[in-house]
Amino acid sequence: MREKVFTIFIILILLLVSVSGIFLPAENVFSYVNTVNSLGEERSLLNLIFSTNRIELKNKIETYIFKSQIRNSTLSYVANLSWYLQDKTVLDSQFFDTEVFFGKNGDLFPKIKSCQSFNNDVELNLDTKYQNKIIFLLVPLKQEIDFQYLNYFQNNFLCKEFTKSYDQFVGTNPDIISINLYERYKGNESYFEFGDTHWNNFGFNLALMEILKITNPDESFELIKLGLIQENNNVLERLGLIKFESNSSEYLIQPIPKAKKEVLIIHDSFFDEAYAPNTYLSNYFNLEYQRWSEDIDLDNNAKEFDFVLIESSIETFFETRISNIEN
């Protein structure tokens, strides 16, 4: 009896949500990770119920639920409550089991899978004639750099293993070229976007300056502050379900290099268009891009380009990607 009552209750809730999606669609549709894509079926829900095509019926119901005012109002309320509580408790106020947590004033940070030492006694057997053409750019976690935006509890439990892993990796491979962003990102500035886990325009341009010092050592470059630029805050919206506008300073590197080098960038999301615009980077290099894959043959890539830039978030590099580099 209890199971029947519970089943009927669930059916009524789903029916109410579906009906609200039909007659009262929400203005703002929230998605935790994925959206529901319509299959283009134009028949009504009633016609589909009496048809034999269950795939279109299931998709139609999911679409109505996705657009439901009840669903989206509930998600919006829970998300805003979670964000409101973040500076009023030392505990993680995130109600959703996501990949992020909130620091002071709603600043968003990535959750780490584990805080452990990685065995990084890995020697990269690069051909000596290519060693000066391969640049490693390992990007620290936001909380390692912008730790002033963490609360007391979060700071006390800040993982220190990634910087140790980086030092160990560089120590084991003293002949590689590696840009140390731990050293470059020192100061009271913000180097990452407020509602995102990626670098802001300042952090991006500082990294770009270091790259140019290597690719064009005979030229001098200057970082010029222009004004303000709107941040992406994509991760806050996608995982935190919060739409928030924030600005940070915009920068420009001058002058444009006299000689553009041929550069291959092996990268993750830090060099996606939203965080490292191709139109801007193309002022300084002739570029080709390659996403991380199972096997990276650095020597073979170095034959084809003046430089190969290996960019990765530091956690993922030591967890998996270091083993993808062919030796």
Protein backbone atom coordinates (compact mmCIF):
# COMPACT_ATOMS: atom_id res chain seq x y z
CA MET A 1 0.00 0.00 0.00
CA ARG A 2 2.77 2.41 0.94
CA GLU A 3 4.58 1.68 -2.33
CA LYS A 4 1.43 2.35 -4.36
CA VAL A 5 0.87 5.69 -2.63
CA PHE A 6 4.49 6.67 -3.24
CA THR A 7 4.26 5.64 -6.92
CA ILE A 8 1.06 7.64 -7.41
CA PHE A 9 2.67 10.64 -5.70
CA ILE A 10 5.71 10.50 -8.02
CA ILE A 11 3.48 10.17 -11.08
CA LEU A 12 1.43 13.20 -10.01
CA ILE A 13 4.59 15.27 -9.43
CA LEU A 14 5.98 14.37 -12.86
CA LEU A 15 2.60 15.05 -14.44
CA LEU A 16 2.38 18.45 -12.74
CA VAL A 17 5.90 19.35 -13.87
CA SER A 18 5.18 18.17 -17.43
CA VAL A 19 1.92 20.12 -17.64
CA SER A 20 3.65 23.26 -16.35
CA GLY A 21 6.24 22.84 -19.10
CA ILE A 22 3.46 22.73 -21.70
CA PHE A 23 1.40 25.69 -20.52
CA LEU A 24 3.87 27.71 -18.39
CA PRO A 25 7.36 27.31 -19.90
CA ALA A 26 10.12 29.01 -17.92
CA GLU A 27 11.86 32.12 -19.24
CA ASN A 28 15.24 30.94 -17.91
CA VAL A 29 16.00 27.25 -18.43
CA PHE A 30 18.63 25.81 -16.10
CA SER A 31 20.71 22.77 -16.97
CA TYR A 32 23.04 21.06 -14.51
CA VAL A 33 25.31 19.76 -17.27
CA ASN A 34 23.41 18.83 -20.42
CA THR A 35 20.41 20.19 -22.24
CA VAL A 36 17.55 18.16 -23.68
CA ASN A 37 17.57 18.35 -27.47
CA SER A 38 14.23 18.01 -29.20
CA LEU A 39 14.00 15.36 -31.93
CA GLY A 40 11.81 17.72 -33.94
CA GLU A 41 8.59 15.77 -33.35
CA GLU A 42 5.63 18.11 -34.04
CA ARG A 43 2.80 15.79 -32.98
CA SER A 44 1.05 16.61 -29.72
CA LEU A 45 1.72 14.73 -26.52
CA LEU A 46 -1.74 13.14 -26.72
CA ASN A 47 -1.10 11.82 -30.24
CA LEU A 48 2.26 10.41 -29.19
CA ILE A 49 0.71 8.62 -26.19
CA PHE A 50 -1.50 6.62 -28.58
CA SER A 51 1.29 6.06 -31.10
CA THR A 52 3.84 3.24 -31.09
CA ASN A 53 6.84 5.56 -31.21
CA ARG A 54 8.08 5.59 -27.63
CA ILE A 55 11.38 7.37 -28.37
CA GLU A 56 9.61 10.55 -29.53
CA LEU A 57 7.14 10.30 -26.64
CA LYS A 58 9.96 10.03 -24.09
CA ASN A 59 11.79 12.96 -25.71
CA LYS A 60 8.63 15.09 -25.75
CA ILE A 61 8.01 14.47 -22.03
CA GLU A 62 11.66 15.20 -21.17
CA THR A 63 11.48 18.45 -23.15
CA TYR A 64 8.36 19.59 -21.28
CA ILE A 65 9.93 18.72 -17.92
CA PHE A 66 13.13 20.52 -18.89
CA LYS A 67 11.18 23.69 -19.70
CA SER A 68 8.88 23.42 -16.69
CA GLN A 69 8.42 26.55 -14.59
CA ILE A 70 8.30 24.38 -11.45
CA ARG A 71 11.56 22.60 -12.27
CA ASN A 72 13.46 25.73 -13.19
CA SER A 73 12.11 27.87 -10.36
CA THR A 74 13.14 25.15 -7.90
CA LEU A 75 16.63 24.86 -9.37
CA SER A 76 17.02 28.63 -9.40
CA TYR A 77 15.94 28.90 -5.75
CA VAL A 78 18.25 26.12 -4.56
CA ALA A 79 21.20 27.51 -6.55
CA ASN A 80 20.75 31.03 -5.18
CA LEU A 81 20.32 29.72 -1.62
CA SER A 82 23.54 27.72 -1.99
CA TRP A 83 25.38 30.80 -3.22
CA TYR A 84 23.87 33.00 -0.49
CA LEU A 85 25.08 30.66 2.27
CA GLN A 86 28.66 30.34 1.03
CA ASP A 87 30.06 33.25 3.11
CA LYS A 88 27.93 32.43 6.16
CA THR A 89 29.31 28.96 6.88
CA VAL A 90 32.73 27.29 6.85
CA LEU A 91 31.16 24.21 5.26
CA ASP A 92 30.56 23.67 1.57
CA SER A 93 27.13 25.15 0.86
CA GLN A 94 26.92 23.62 -2.60
CA PHE A 95 23.70 21.55 -2.74
CA PHE A 96 24.56 19.99 -6.07
CA ASP A 97 27.16 17.23 -6.25
CA THR A 98 29.29 19.19 -8.68
CA GLU A 99 32.93 19.74 -9.46
CA VAL A 100 33.08 23.16 -7.79
CA PHE A 101 32.82 24.89 -4.43
CA PHE A 102 32.37 28.51 -3.34
CA GLY A 103 34.90 30.65 -1.50
CA LYS A 104 34.51 34.14 -0.09
CA ASN A 105 31.90 36.37 -1.73
CA GLY A 106 30.82 33.57 -4.08
CA ASP A 107 34.19 33.10 -5.82
CA LEU A 108 34.09 29.73 -7.57
CA PHE A 109 36.84 27.09 -7.24
CA PRO A 110 37.32 23.58 -8.66
CA LYS A 111 37.02 20.56 -6.40
CA ILE A 112 39.97 18.18 -6.57
CA LYS A 113 39.56 14.43 -6.85
CA SER A 114 42.23 13.68 -4.26
CA CYS A 115 45.17 15.34 -2.54
CA GLN A 116 48.03 12.92 -2.90
CA SER A 117 51.63 12.86 -4.02
CA PHE A 118 52.06 11.72 -7.59
CA ASN A 119 54.99 9.55 -8.56
CA ASN A 120 56.62 11.95 -10.97
CA ASP A 121 60.08 10.48 -11.30
CA VAL A 122 59.34 10.33 -15.02
CA GLU A 123 62.22 11.23 -17.28
CA LEU A 124 61.16 12.55 -20.66
CA ASN A 125 63.53 11.06 -23.18
CA LEU A 126 63.30 13.92 -25.64
CA ASP A 127 65.69 14.16 -28.53
CA THR A 128 68.31 16.74 -27.51
CA LYS A 129 67.88 18.67 -30.76
CA TYR A 130 64.22 19.25 -29.90
CA GLN A 131 64.48 20.04 -26.19
CA ASN A 132 64.66 23.79 -26.77
CA LYS A 133 61.53 23.68 -28.94
CA ILE A 134 59.14 22.12 -26.42
CA ILE A 135 57.56 24.35 -23.76
CA PHE A 136 55.60 23.02 -20.78
CA LEU A 137 52.88 25.30 -19.38
CA LEU A 138 51.20 23.63 -16.40
CA VAL A 139 48.42 25.80 -14.99
CA PRO A 140 47.96 25.69 -11.18
CA LEU A 141 44.58 25.24 -9.58
CA LYS A 142 42.76 28.48 -8.87
CA GLN A 143 42.80 27.91 -5.09
CA GLU A 144 46.59 27.54 -5.13
CA ILE A 145 46.92 31.07 -6.53
CA ASP A 146 43.83 33.06 -5.51
CA PHE A 147 43.81 31.61 -1.99
CA GLN A 148 42.97 35.02 -0.50
CA TYR A 149 39.38 34.34 -1.62
CA LEU A 150 39.12 31.14 0.43
CA ASN A 151 37.69 31.14 3.93
CA TYR A 152 39.73 30.09 6.96
CA PHE A 153 38.55 26.48 6.89
CA GLN A 154 39.24 26.09 3.15
CA ASN A 155 42.71 27.63 3.49
CA ASN A 156 43.65 25.24 6.29
CA PHE A 157 42.83 22.25 4.12
CA LEU A 158 44.42 23.61 0.94
CA CYS A 159 46.22 20.83 -0.95
CA LYS A 160 49.98 21.43 -1.27
CA GLU A 161 50.82 18.34 -3.31
CA PHE A 162 50.53 19.81 -6.79
CA THR A 163 53.28 22.38 -6.36
CA LYS A 164 55.48 19.62 -4.88
CA SER A 165 54.71 17.43 -7.88
CA TYR A 166 55.64 20.28 -10.22
CA ASP A 167 58.98 20.87 -8.47
CA GLN A 168 59.70 17.14 -8.60
CA PHE A 169 58.84 16.96 -12.31
CA VAL A 170 61.12 19.89 -13.17
CA GLY A 171 63.88 18.51 -10.95
CA THR A 172 63.72 15.13 -12.69
CA ASN A 173 63.82 16.82 -16.11
CA PRO A 174 66.22 19.76 -15.69
CA ASP A 175 66.73 20.22 -19.43
CA ILE A 176 63.10 20.88 -20.35
CA ILE A 177 61.67 24.36 -20.79
CA SER A 178 58.89 24.93 -18.26
CA ILE A 179 57.05 28.14 -17.44
CA ASN A 180 56.57 28.37 -13.68
CA LEU A 181 53.18 30.01 -13.18
CA TYR A 182 53.46 29.50 -9.42
CA GLU A 183 56.21 32.13 -9.53
CA ARG A 184 54.55 34.31 -12.16
CA TYR A 185 51.19 34.41 -10.40
CA LYS A 186 52.48 35.94 -7.18
CA GLY A 187 50.89 39.08 -5.81
CA ASN A 188 47.56 40.42 -4.67
CA GLU A 189 46.04 40.47 -8.15
CA SER A 190 43.31 38.10 -9.33
CA TYR A 191 44.59 35.75 -11.98
CA PHE A 192 41.40 33.72 -12.50
CA GLU A 193 37.84 34.65 -13.39
CA PHE A 194 35.42 35.18 -10.51
CA GLY A 195 32.85 32.59 -11.54
CA ASP A 196 35.16 30.26 -13.39
CA THR A 197 38.09 27.90 -12.89
CA HIS A 198 40.07 29.35 -15.81
CA TRP A 199 42.46 32.26 -15.97
CA ASN A 200 41.17 35.79 -16.54
CA ASN A 201 42.57 38.14 -19.16
CA PHE A 202 45.43 39.19 -16.87
CA GLY A 203 46.44 35.62 -16.04
CA PHE A 204 46.25 34.65 -19.70
CA ASN A 205 48.40 37.57 -20.87
CA LEU A 206 51.02 36.95 -18.18
CA ALA A 207 51.36 33.37 -19.43
CA LEU A 208 51.51 34.64 -23.02
CA MET A 209 54.29 37.07 -22.10
CA GLU A 210 56.36 34.16 -20.73
CA ILE A 211 55.80 32.20 -23.93
CA LEU A 212 56.92 35.15 -26.07
CA LYS A 213 60.11 35.51 -24.03
CA ILE A 214 60.99 31.99 -25.13
CA THR A 215 59.83 32.10 -28.74
CA ASN A 216 61.17 35.60 -29.44
CA PRO A 217 64.07 36.11 -27.00
CA ASP A 218 65.58 39.01 -28.94
CA GLU A 219 62.47 41.17 -28.66
CA SER A 220 61.11 43.09 -25.67
CA PHE A 221 57.42 43.01 -24.84
CA GLU A 222 55.26 45.15 -22.60
CA LEU A 223 51.93 44.43 -20.93
CA ILE A 224 49.55 47.37 -21.41
CA LYS A 225 46.36 47.79 -19.37
CA LEU A 226 43.42 48.85 -21.51
CA GLY A 227 40.20 48.93 -19.48
CA LEU A 228 37.62 46.41 -18.33
CA ILE A 229 36.42 43.22 -19.98
CA GLN A 230 33.42 41.10 -19.05
CA GLU A 231 34.37 37.70 -17.67
CA ASN A 232 32.89 34.47 -19.00
CA ASN A 233 31.80 32.89 -15.69
CA ASN A 234 30.78 29.87 -17.75
CA VAL A 235 31.44 27.33 -15.01
CA LEU A 236 29.36 29.23 -12.44
CA GLU A 237 26.41 29.14 -14.81
CA ARG A 238 26.90 25.55 -16.01
CA LEU A 239 27.62 23.87 -12.67
CA GLY A 240 26.44 26.40 -10.08
CA LEU A 241 23.32 27.40 -12.06
CA ILE A 242 24.04 31.07 -11.29
CA LYS A 243 24.11 33.74 -13.99
CA PHE A 244 26.44 36.48 -12.80
CA GLU A 245 28.23 39.32 -14.58
CA SER A 246 31.66 40.45 -13.40
CA ASN A 247 34.47 42.45 -14.97
CA SER A 248 38.23 42.31 -14.75
CA SER A 249 41.03 44.30 -16.35
CA GLU A 250 41.82 43.80 -20.02
CA TYR A 251 45.43 43.78 -21.24
CA LEU A 252 47.36 43.93 -24.47
CA ILE A 253 50.92 42.84 -25.24
CA GLN A 254 52.98 45.21 -27.37
CA PRO A 255 54.65 45.20 -29.82
CA ILE A 256 53.55 42.56 -32.31
CA PRO A 257 56.55 40.24 -32.92
CA LYS A 258 58.65 41.00 -35.96
CA ALA A 259 58.85 37.30 -36.75
CA LYS A 260 55.86 35.07 -36.08
CA LYS A 261 56.88 31.57 -35.05
CA GLU A 262 55.10 28.40 -36.11
CA VAL A 263 53.61 27.06 -32.87
CA LEU A 264 51.59 23.92 -32.12
CA ILE A 265 49.53 24.18 -28.93
CA ILE A 266 48.57 20.89 -27.29
CA HIS A 267 45.95 22.05 -24.85
CA ASP A 268 42.87 21.61 -22.70
CA SER A 269 40.11 24.16 -22.02
CA PHE A 270 42.49 26.96 -20.98
CA PHE A 271 43.19 27.58 -24.66
CA ASP A 272 39.56 27.36 -25.72
CA GLU A 273 38.27 30.40 -27.57
CA ALA A 274 36.50 31.84 -24.50
CA TYR A 275 39.73 32.06 -22.49
CA ALA A 276 42.44 32.45 -25.16
CA PRO A 277 40.93 34.02 -28.30
CA ASN A 278 42.50 32.77 -31.52
CA THR A 279 42.18 36.18 -33.19
CA TYR A 280 44.33 37.66 -30.40
CA LEU A 281 46.90 34.85 -30.31
CA SER A 282 47.25 34.98 -34.10
CA ASN A 283 48.81 38.42 -33.74
CA TYR A 284 51.82 36.77 -32.11
CA PHE A 285 52.12 33.28 -33.66
CA ASN A 286 51.15 31.17 -36.63
CA LEU A 287 49.13 28.60 -34.75
CA GLU A 288 47.86 25.08 -34.93
CA TYR A 289 45.88 23.43 -32.15
CA GLN A 290 45.68 19.87 -30.89
CA ARG A 291 43.54 18.60 -28.03
CA TRP A 292 45.03 16.15 -25.57
CA SER A 293 44.77 12.57 -26.80
CA GLU A 294 45.99 9.17 -25.71
CA ASP A 295 49.45 9.48 -27.25
CA ILE A 296 51.52 12.63 -27.75
CA ASP A 297 54.70 12.21 -29.80
CA LEU A 298 56.66 15.35 -28.91
CA ASP A 299 59.74 14.63 -31.02
CA ASN A 300 57.65 14.06 -34.13
CA ASN A 301 55.60 17.22 -33.49
CA ALA A 302 58.75 19.26 -32.89
CA LYS A 303 60.00 18.39 -36.38
CA GLU A 304 57.08 20.25 -37.95
CA PHE A 305 57.02 23.42 -35.84
CA ASP A 306 59.33 26.06 -34.40
CA PHE A 307 57.83 25.38 -30.96
CA VAL A 308 55.40 22.96 -29.34
CA LEU A 309 53.51 24.29 -26.31
CA ILE A 310 52.27 21.63 -23.89
CA GLU A 311 49.50 23.21 -21.81
CA SER A 312 47.51 21.40 -19.16
CA SER A 313 45.82 21.94 -15.84
CA ILE A 314 48.33 20.70 -13.30
CA GLU A 315 46.03 18.18 -11.60
CA THR A 316 45.08 16.39 -14.82
CA PHE A 317 48.65 16.44 -16.11
CA PHE A 318 50.01 14.48 -13.17
CA GLU A 319 46.95 12.25 -12.88
CA THR A 320 46.82 11.00 -16.46
CA ARG A 321 48.40 13.11 -19.16
CA ILE A 322 52.03 12.67 -18.23
CA SER A 323 51.66 9.00 -19.15
CA ASN A 324 50.34 9.97 -22.61
CA ILE A 325 53.64 11.55 -23.62
CA GLU A 326 55.56 9.04 -25.70
CA ASN A 327 59.14 8.44 -24.59
